[in-house]
């Protein structure tokens, strides 16, 4: 089984399915994390933003770390904060 770092590297070389595998590995944990913080309804939207942001910034991921979950939690935290700032 490939590490998250290997999958992100493959996605940078054009293998879009590799990043989909990273998403499938971590979507439940990140979705639950966000649901506890912003509510189930908003969590779906914020999680979508997390995946877009992670995909767009994946070239900045330090691939010396095989597990991407801590990095993804950082992306999620930033999107969560953006969500909170956007609420009235």
PDB file of N, CA and C in Angstrom:
ATOM      1  N   UNK A   1       0.852  -1.181   0.000  1.00  0.00           N
ATOM      2  CA  UNK A   1       0.000   0.000   0.000  1.00  0.00           C
ATOM      3  C   UNK A   1       0.897   1.243   0.000  1.00  0.00           C
ATOM      4  N   UNK A   2       0.551   2.188  -0.827  1.00  0.00           N
ATOM      5  CA  UNK A   2       1.327   3.425  -0.950  1.00  0.00           C
ATOM      6  C   UNK A   2       1.049   4.350   0.218  1.00  0.00           C
ATOM      7  N   UNK A   3       2.059   5.094   0.630  1.00  0.00           N
ATOM      8  CA  UNK A   3       1.871   6.093   1.678  1.00  0.00           C
ATOM      9  C   UNK A   3       1.143   7.293   1.080  1.00  0.00           C
ATOM     10  N   UNK A   4       0.619   8.137   1.957  1.00  0.00           N
ATOM     11  CA  UNK A   4      -0.022   9.369   1.496  1.00  0.00           C
ATOM     12  C   UNK A   4       0.972  10.220   0.710  1.00  0.00           C
ATOM     13  N   UNK A   5       2.213  10.270   1.181  1.00  0.00           N
ATOM     14  CA  UNK A   5       3.239  11.064   0.506  1.00  0.00           C
ATOM     15  C   UNK A   5       3.467  10.554  -0.911  1.00  0.00           C
ATOM     16  N   UNK A   6       3.519   9.248  -1.080  1.00  0.00           N
ATOM     17  CA  UNK A   6       3.681   8.680  -2.420  1.00  0.00           C
ATOM     18  C   UNK A   6       2.490   9.017  -3.308  1.00  0.00           C
ATOM     19  N   UNK A   7       1.298   8.939  -2.744  1.00  0.00           N
ATOM     20  CA  UNK A   7       0.098   9.256  -3.518  1.00  0.00           C
ATOM     21  C   UNK A   7       0.064  10.725  -3.925  1.00  0.00           C
ATOM     22  N   UNK A   8       0.451  11.592  -3.014  1.00  0.00           N
ATOM     23  CA  UNK A   8       0.490  13.018  -3.343  1.00  0.00           C
ATOM     24  C   UNK A   8       1.529  13.264  -4.433  1.00  0.00           C
ATOM     25  N   UNK A   9       2.659  12.608  -4.350  1.00  0.00           N
ATOM     26  CA  UNK A   9       3.670  12.724  -5.389  1.00  0.00           C
ATOM     27  C   UNK A   9       3.148  12.254  -6.734  1.00  0.00           C
ATOM     28  N   UNK A  10       2.438  11.137  -6.740  1.00  0.00           N
ATOM     29  CA  UNK A  10       1.848  10.646  -7.993  1.00  0.00           C
ATOM     30  C   UNK A  10       0.821  11.626  -8.535  1.00  0.00           C
ATOM     31  N   UNK A  11       0.049  12.240  -7.636  1.00  0.00           N
ATOM     32  CA  UNK A  11      -0.962  13.199  -8.098  1.00  0.00           C
ATOM     33  C   UNK A  11      -0.297  14.419  -8.738  1.00  0.00           C
ATOM     34  N   UNK A  12       0.867  14.790  -8.229  1.00  0.00           N
ATOM     35  CA  UNK A  12       1.603  15.915  -8.814  1.00  0.00           C
ATOM     36  C   UNK A  12       2.140  15.582 -10.208  1.00  0.00           C
ATOM     37  N   UNK A  13       2.297  14.293 -10.468  1.00  0.00           N
ATOM     38  CA  UNK A  13       2.764  13.861 -11.788  1.00  0.00           C
ATOM     39  C   UNK A  13       1.597  13.547 -12.730  1.00  0.00           C
ATOM     40  N   UNK A  14       0.364  13.894 -12.294  1.00  0.00           N
ATOM     41  CA  UNK A  14      -0.784  13.756 -13.184  1.00  0.00           C
ATOM     42  C   UNK A  14      -1.746  12.630 -12.877  1.00  0.00           C
ATOM     43  N   UNK A  15      -1.488  11.829 -11.864  1.00  0.00           N
ATOM     44  CA  UNK A  15      -2.382  10.727 -11.502  1.00  0.00           C
ATOM     45  C   UNK A  15      -3.465  11.254 -10.568  1.00  0.00           C
ATOM     46  N   UNK A  16      -4.586  11.702 -11.134  1.00  0.00           N
ATOM     47  CA  UNK A  16      -5.649  12.303 -10.315  1.00  0.00           C
ATOM     48  C   UNK A  16      -6.285  11.284  -9.376  1.00  0.00           C
ATOM     49  N   UNK A  17      -6.297  10.040  -9.760  1.00  0.00           N
ATOM     50  CA  UNK A  17      -6.862   9.006  -8.891  1.00  0.00           C
ATOM     51  C   UNK A  17      -6.078   8.837  -7.601  1.00  0.00           C
ATOM     52  N   UNK A  18      -4.804   9.172  -7.616  1.00  0.00           N
ATOM     53  CA  UNK A  18      -3.981   9.042  -6.417  1.00  0.00           C
ATOM     54  C   UNK A  18      -4.463   9.987  -5.327  1.00  0.00           C
ATOM     55  N   UNK A  19      -4.826  11.222  -5.691  1.00  0.00           N
ATOM     56  CA  UNK A  19      -5.308  12.149  -4.671  1.00  0.00           C
ATOM     57  C   UNK A  19      -6.691  11.728  -4.168  1.00  0.00           C
ATOM     58  N   UNK A  20      -7.491  11.134  -5.039  1.00  0.00           N
ATOM     59  CA  UNK A  20      -8.792  10.610  -4.621  1.00  0.00           C
ATOM     60  C   UNK A  20      -8.603   9.549  -3.542  1.00  0.00           C
ATOM     61  N   UNK A  21      -7.552   8.761  -3.650  1.00  0.00           N
ATOM     62  CA  UNK A  21      -7.266   7.748  -2.622  1.00  0.00           C
ATOM     63  C   UNK A  21      -6.905   8.405  -1.289  1.00  0.00           C
ATOM     64  N   UNK A  22      -6.140   9.489  -1.329  1.00  0.00           N
ATOM     65  CA  UNK A  22      -5.826  10.226  -0.099  1.00  0.00           C
ATOM     66  C   UNK A  22      -7.133  10.712   0.542  1.00  0.00           C
ATOM     67  N   UNK A  23      -8.020  11.263  -0.266  1.00  0.00           N
ATOM     68  CA  UNK A  23      -9.311  11.735   0.237  1.00  0.00           C
ATOM     69  C   UNK A  23     -10.076  10.594   0.890  1.00  0.00           C
ATOM     70  N   UNK A  24     -10.160   9.459   0.210  1.00  0.00           N
ATOM     71  CA  UNK A  24     -10.946   8.346   0.755  1.00  0.00           C
ATOM     72  C   UNK A  24     -10.373   7.825   2.074  1.00  0.00           C
ATOM     73  N   UNK A  25      -9.067   7.931   2.250  1.00  0.00           N
ATOM     74  CA  UNK A  25      -8.444   7.481   3.501  1.00  0.00           C
ATOM     75  C   UNK A  25      -8.810   8.378   4.687  1.00  0.00           C
ATOM     76  N   UNK A  26      -9.020   9.659   4.430  1.00  0.00           N
ATOM     77  CA  UNK A  26      -9.128  10.613   5.535  1.00  0.00           C
ATOM     78  C   UNK A  26     -10.459  11.345   5.629  1.00  0.00           C
ATOM     79  N   UNK A  27     -11.377  11.125   4.697  1.00  0.00           N
ATOM     80  CA  UNK A  27     -12.605  11.911   4.689  1.00  0.00           C
ATOM     81  C   UNK A  27     -13.478  11.680   5.918  1.00  0.00           C
ATOM     82  N   UNK A  28     -13.552  10.474   6.428  1.00  0.00           N
ATOM     83  CA  UNK A  28     -14.394  10.212   7.592  1.00  0.00           C
ATOM     84  C   UNK A  28     -13.846  10.922   8.825  1.00  0.00           C
ATOM     85  N   UNK A  29     -12.550  10.792   9.062  1.00  0.00           N
ATOM     86  CA  UNK A  29     -11.953  11.432  10.243  1.00  0.00           C
ATOM     87  C   UNK A  29     -12.075  12.944  10.170  1.00  0.00           C
ATOM     88  N   UNK A  30     -11.775  13.522   9.009  1.00  0.00           N
ATOM     89  CA  UNK A  30     -11.869  14.977   8.879  1.00  0.00           C
ATOM     90  C   UNK A  30     -13.316  15.443   8.924  1.00  0.00           C
ATOM     91  N   UNK A  31     -14.213  14.688   8.333  1.00  0.00           N
ATOM     92  CA  UNK A  31     -15.633  15.044   8.378  1.00  0.00           C
ATOM     93  C   UNK A  31     -16.157  15.050   9.800  1.00  0.00           C
ATOM     94  N   UNK A  32     -15.774  14.054  10.582  1.00  0.00           N
ATOM     95  CA  UNK A  32     -16.204  14.001  11.984  1.00  0.00           C
ATOM     96  C   UNK A  32     -15.599  15.146  12.793  1.00  0.00           C
ATOM     97  N   UNK A  33     -14.344  15.448  12.542  1.00  0.00           N
ATOM     98  CA  UNK A  33     -13.661  16.555  13.211  1.00  0.00           C
ATOM     99  C   UNK A  33     -14.411  17.867  12.949  1.00  0.00           C
ATOM    100  N   UNK A  34     -14.720  18.109  11.685  1.00  0.00           N
ATOM    101  CA  UNK A  34     -15.401  19.356  11.334  1.00  0.00           C
ATOM    102  C   UNK A  34     -16.841  19.387  11.860  1.00  0.00           C
ATOM    103  N   UNK A  35     -17.510  18.262  11.843  1.00  0.00           N
ATOM    104  CA  UNK A  35     -18.894  18.214  12.332  1.00  0.00           C
ATOM    105  C   UNK A  35     -18.962  18.586  13.807  1.00  0.00           C
ATOM    106  N   UNK A  36     -17.970  18.177  14.581  1.00  0.00           N
ATOM    107  CA  UNK A  36     -17.949  18.520  16.006  1.00  0.00           C
ATOM    108  C   UNK A  36     -17.714  20.013  16.210  1.00  0.00           C
ATOM    109  N   UNK A  37     -17.095  20.671  15.249  1.00  0.00           N
ATOM    110  CA  UNK A  37     -16.740  22.079  15.428  1.00  0.00           C
ATOM    111  C   UNK A  37     -17.686  23.066  14.755  1.00  0.00           C
ATOM    112  N   UNK A  38     -18.224  22.686  13.594  1.00  0.00           N
ATOM    113  CA  UNK A  38     -19.087  23.634  12.873  1.00  0.00           C
ATOM    114  C   UNK A  38     -20.492  23.105  12.658  1.00  0.00           C
ATOM    115  N   UNK A  39     -20.774  21.884  13.094  1.00  0.00           N
ATOM    116  CA  UNK A  39     -22.086  21.278  12.889  1.00  0.00           C
ATOM    117  C   UNK A  39     -22.088  20.424  11.628  1.00  0.00           C
ATOM    118  N   UNK A  40     -22.959  19.439  11.615  1.00  0.00           N
ATOM    119  CA  UNK A  40     -23.000  18.457  10.518  1.00  0.00           C
ATOM    120  C   UNK A  40     -23.287  19.119   9.172  1.00  0.00           C
ATOM    121  N   UNK A  41     -24.246  20.036   9.134  1.00  0.00           N
ATOM    122  CA  UNK A  41     -24.615  20.687   7.869  1.00  0.00           C
ATOM    123  C   UNK A  41     -23.434  21.445   7.270  1.00  0.00           C
ATOM    124  N   UNK A  42     -22.837  22.327   8.053  1.00  0.00           N
ATOM    125  CA  UNK A  42     -21.734  23.152   7.566  1.00  0.00           C
ATOM    126  C   UNK A  42     -20.492  22.312   7.293  1.00  0.00           C
ATOM    127  N   UNK A  43     -20.331  21.212   8.013  1.00  0.00           N
ATOM    128  CA  UNK A  43     -19.135  20.378   7.861  1.00  0.00           C
ATOM    129  C   UNK A  43     -18.986  19.873   6.427  1.00  0.00           C
ATOM    130  N   UNK A  44     -20.082  19.549   5.780  1.00  0.00           N
ATOM    131  CA  UNK A  44     -20.001  19.050   4.409  1.00  0.00           C
ATOM    132  C   UNK A  44     -19.407  20.103   3.479  1.00  0.00           C
ATOM    133  N   UNK A  45     -19.864  21.341   3.626  1.00  0.00           N
ATOM    134  CA  UNK A  45     -19.334  22.420   2.785  1.00  0.00           C
ATOM    135  C   UNK A  45     -17.875  22.710   3.106  1.00  0.00           C
ATOM    136  N   UNK A  46     -17.569  22.757   4.392  1.00  0.00           N
ATOM    137  CA  UNK A  46     -16.187  23.056   4.793  1.00  0.00           C
ATOM    138  C   UNK A  46     -15.261  21.932   4.335  1.00  0.00           C
ATOM    139  N   UNK A  47     -15.725  20.697   4.438  1.00  0.00           N
ATOM    140  CA  UNK A  47     -14.901  19.570   4.006  1.00  0.00           C
ATOM    141  C   UNK A  47     -14.617  19.653   2.507  1.00  0.00           C
ATOM    142  N   UNK A  48     -15.601  20.057   1.733  1.00  0.00           N
ATOM    143  CA  UNK A  48     -15.362  20.260   0.305  1.00  0.00           C
ATOM    144  C   UNK A  48     -14.285  21.302   0.068  1.00  0.00           C
ATOM    145  N   UNK A  49     -14.342  22.383   0.851  1.00  0.00           N
ATOM    146  CA  UNK A  49     -13.309  23.421   0.750  1.00  0.00           C
ATOM    147  C   UNK A  49     -11.934  22.883   1.142  1.00  0.00           C
ATOM    148  N   UNK A  50     -11.907  22.002   2.128  1.00  0.00           N
ATOM    149  CA  UNK A  50     -10.639  21.400   2.568  1.00  0.00           C
ATOM    150  C   UNK A  50     -10.001  20.635   1.412  1.00  0.00           C
ATOM    151  N   UNK A  51     -10.803  19.824   0.713  1.00  0.00           N
ATOM    152  CA  UNK A  51     -10.238  19.016  -0.368  1.00  0.00           C
ATOM    153  C   UNK A  51      -9.742  19.891  -1.515  1.00  0.00           C
ATOM    154  N   UNK A  52     -10.479  20.942  -1.832  1.00  0.00           N
ATOM    155  CA  UNK A  52     -10.018  21.846  -2.890  1.00  0.00           C
ATOM    156  C   UNK A  52      -8.703  22.516  -2.483  1.00  0.00           C
ATOM    157  N   UNK A  53      -8.654  23.026  -1.250  1.00  0.00           N
ATOM    158  CA  UNK A  53      -7.448  23.705  -0.770  1.00  0.00           C
ATOM    159  C   UNK A  53      -6.267  22.733  -0.703  1.00  0.00           C
ATOM    160  N   UNK A  54      -6.506  21.520  -0.225  1.00  0.00           N
ATOM    161  CA  UNK A  54      -5.428  20.537  -0.130  1.00  0.00           C
ATOM    162  C   UNK A  54      -4.919  20.173  -1.521  1.00  0.00           C
ATOM    163  N   UNK A  55      -5.824  19.990  -2.453  1.00  0.00           N
ATOM    164  CA  UNK A  55      -5.413  19.651  -3.819  1.00  0.00           C
ATOM    165  C   UNK A  55      -4.585  20.785  -4.426  1.00  0.00           C
ATOM    166  N   UNK A  56      -5.045  22.007  -4.239  1.00  0.00           N
ATOM    167  CA  UNK A  56      -4.343  23.150  -4.814  1.00  0.00           C
ATOM    168  C   UNK A  56      -2.979  23.395  -4.174  1.00  0.00           C
ATOM    169  N   UNK A  57      -2.826  23.007  -2.910  1.00  0.00           N
ATOM    170  CA  UNK A  57      -1.555  23.266  -2.214  1.00  0.00           C
ATOM    171  C   UNK A  57      -0.717  22.007  -2.017  1.00  0.00           C
ATOM    172  N   UNK A  58      -1.079  20.927  -2.674  1.00  0.00           N
ATOM    173  CA  UNK A  58      -0.382  19.654  -2.438  1.00  0.00           C
ATOM    174  C   UNK A  58       1.096  19.707  -2.808  1.00  0.00           C
ATOM    175  N   UNK A  59       1.487  20.610  -3.676  1.00  0.00           N
ATOM    176  CA  UNK A  59       2.912  20.738  -4.019  1.00  0.00           C
ATOM    177  C   UNK A  59       3.731  21.225  -2.821  1.00  0.00           C
ATOM    178  N   UNK A  60       3.079  21.866  -1.861  1.00  0.00           N
ATOM    179  CA  UNK A  60       3.765  22.357  -0.661  1.00  0.00           C
ATOM    180  C   UNK A  60       3.855  21.299   0.438  1.00  0.00           C
ATOM    181  N   UNK A  61       3.203  20.162   0.248  1.00  0.00           N
ATOM    182  CA  UNK A  61       3.240  19.099   1.263  1.00  0.00           C
ATOM    183  C   UNK A  61       4.653  18.536   1.358  1.00  0.00           C
ATOM    184  N   UNK A  62       5.162  18.425   2.569  1.00  0.00           N
ATOM    185  CA  UNK A  62       6.495  17.876   2.817  1.00  0.00           C
ATOM    186  C   UNK A  62       6.404  16.348   2.750  1.00  0.00           C
ATOM    187  N   UNK A  63       6.838  15.801   1.644  1.00  0.00           N
ATOM    188  CA  UNK A  63       6.680  14.370   1.423  1.00  0.00           C
ATOM    189  C   UNK A  63       7.659  13.512   2.220  1.00  0.00           C
ATOM    190  N   UNK A  64       8.435  14.127   3.093  1.00  0.00           N
ATOM    191  CA  UNK A  64       9.252  13.321   4.005  1.00  0.00           C
ATOM    192  C   UNK A  64       8.372  12.729   5.116  1.00  0.00           C
ATOM    193  N   UNK A  65       7.137  13.225   5.232  1.00  0.00           N
ATOM    194  CA  UNK A  65       6.161  12.676   6.177  1.00  0.00           C
ATOM    195  C   UNK A  65       5.220  11.753   5.409  1.00  0.00           C
ATOM    196  N   UNK A  66       5.245  10.462   5.702  1.00  0.00           N
ATOM    197  CA  UNK A  66       4.421   9.535   4.922  1.00  0.00           C
ATOM    198  C   UNK A  66       2.915   9.700   5.154  1.00  0.00           C
ATOM    199  N   UNK A  67       2.525  10.161   6.314  1.00  0.00           N
ATOM    200  CA  UNK A  67       1.115  10.300   6.692  1.00  0.00           C
ATOM    201  C   UNK A  67       0.683  11.753   6.513  1.00  0.00           C
ATOM    202  N   UNK A  68      -0.352  11.975   5.713  1.00  0.00           N
ATOM    203  CA  UNK A  68      -0.820  13.338   5.417  1.00  0.00           C
ATOM    204  C   UNK A  68      -1.877  13.843   6.402  1.00  0.00           C
ATOM    205  N   UNK A  69      -2.359  13.006   7.291  1.00  0.00           N
ATOM    206  CA  UNK A  69      -3.465  13.429   8.157  1.00  0.00           C
ATOM    207  C   UNK A  69      -3.155  14.684   8.973  1.00  0.00           C
ATOM    208  N   UNK A  70      -1.993  14.816   9.609  1.00  0.00           N
ATOM    209  CA  UNK A  70      -1.725  16.058  10.352  1.00  0.00           C
ATOM    210  C   UNK A  70      -1.771  17.299   9.453  1.00  0.00           C
ATOM    211  N   UNK A  71      -1.235  17.187   8.261  1.00  0.00           N
ATOM    212  CA  UNK A  71      -1.288  18.296   7.306  1.00  0.00           C
ATOM    213  C   UNK A  71      -2.731  18.612   6.935  1.00  0.00           C
ATOM    214  N   UNK A  72      -3.515  17.574   6.693  1.00  0.00           N
ATOM    215  CA  UNK A  72      -4.919  17.776   6.330  1.00  0.00           C
ATOM    216  C   UNK A  72      -5.711  18.406   7.474  1.00  0.00           C
ATOM    217  N   UNK A  73      -5.390  18.037   8.726  1.00  0.00           N
ATOM    218  CA  UNK A  73      -6.050  18.692   9.863  1.00  0.00           C
ATOM    219  C   UNK A  73      -5.699  20.178   9.902  1.00  0.00           C
ATOM    220  N   UNK A  74      -4.481  20.532   9.547  1.00  0.00           N
ATOM    221  CA  UNK A  74      -4.102  21.937   9.479  1.00  0.00           C
ATOM    222  C   UNK A  74      -4.894  22.678   8.416  1.00  0.00           C
ATOM    223  N   UNK A  75      -5.066  22.051   7.260  1.00  0.00           N
ATOM    224  CA  UNK A  75      -5.881  22.653   6.199  1.00  0.00           C
ATOM    225  C   UNK A  75      -7.318  22.801   6.699  1.00  0.00           C
ATOM    226  N   UNK A  76      -7.826  21.773   7.367  1.00  0.00           N
ATOM    227  CA  UNK A  76      -9.199  21.809   7.883  1.00  0.00           C
ATOM    228  C   UNK A  76      -9.365  22.926   8.915  1.00  0.00           C
ATOM    229  N   UNK A  77      -8.390  23.091   9.780  1.00  0.00           N
ATOM    230  CA  UNK A  77      -8.466  24.147  10.786  1.00  0.00           C
ATOM    231  C   UNK A  77      -8.534  25.519  10.116  1.00  0.00           C
ATOM    232  N   UNK A  78      -7.713  25.728   9.102  1.00  0.00           N
ATOM    233  CA  UNK A  78      -7.745  27.003   8.388  1.00  0.00           C
ATOM    234  C   UNK A  78      -9.095  27.235   7.714  1.00  0.00           C
ATOM    235  N   UNK A  79      -9.669  26.218   7.119  1.00  0.00           N
ATOM    236  CA  UNK A  79     -10.989  26.355   6.468  1.00  0.00           C
ATOM    237  C   UNK A  79     -12.089  26.547   7.503  1.00  0.00           C
ATOM    238  N   UNK A  80     -11.944  25.901   8.637  1.00  0.00           N
ATOM    239  CA  UNK A  80     -12.902  26.070   9.730  1.00  0.00           C
ATOM    240  C   UNK A  80     -12.889  27.519  10.207  1.00  0.00           C
ATOM    241  N   UNK A  81     -11.720  28.078  10.396  1.00  0.00           N
ATOM    242  CA  UNK A  81     -11.606  29.474  10.825  1.00  0.00           C
ATOM    243  C   UNK A  81     -12.197  30.415   9.789  1.00  0.00           C
ATOM    244  N   UNK A  82     -11.956  30.133   8.530  1.00  0.00           N
ATOM    245  CA  UNK A  82     -12.531  30.959   7.460  1.00  0.00           C
ATOM    246  C   UNK A  82     -14.066  30.880   7.510  1.00  0.00           C
ATOM    247  N   UNK A  83     -14.576  29.700   7.768  1.00  0.00           N
ATOM    248  CA  UNK A  83     -16.033  29.531   7.889  1.00  0.00           C
ATOM    249  C   UNK A  83     -16.577  30.357   9.041  1.00  0.00           C
ATOM    250  N   UNK A  84     -15.918  30.292  10.195  1.00  0.00           N
ATOM    251  CA  UNK A  84     -16.386  31.049  11.366  1.00  0.00           C
ATOM    252  C   UNK A  84     -16.370  32.553  11.087  1.00  0.00           C
ATOM    253  N   UNK A  85     -15.332  33.034  10.413  1.00  0.00           N
ATOM    254  CA  UNK A  85     -15.238  34.459  10.097  1.00  0.00           C
ATOM    255  C   UNK A  85     -16.326  34.899   9.131  1.00  0.00           C
ATOM    256  N   UNK A  86     -16.796  33.984   8.297  1.00  0.00           N
ATOM    257  CA  UNK A  86     -17.806  34.346   7.310  1.00  0.00           C
ATOM    258  C   UNK A  86     -19.222  34.364   7.882  1.00  0.00           C
ATOM    259  N   UNK A  87     -19.393  33.798   9.062  1.00  0.00           N
ATOM    260  CA  UNK A  87     -20.731  33.786   9.676  1.00  0.00           C
ATOM    261  C   UNK A  87     -21.039  35.135  10.299  1.00  0.00           C
ATOM    262  N   UNK A  88     -22.328  35.515  10.234  1.00  0.00           N
ATOM    263  CA  UNK A  88     -22.709  36.817  10.835  1.00  0.00           C
ATOM    264  C   UNK A  88     -22.588  36.810  12.345  1.00  0.00           C
TER     265      UNK A  88
END
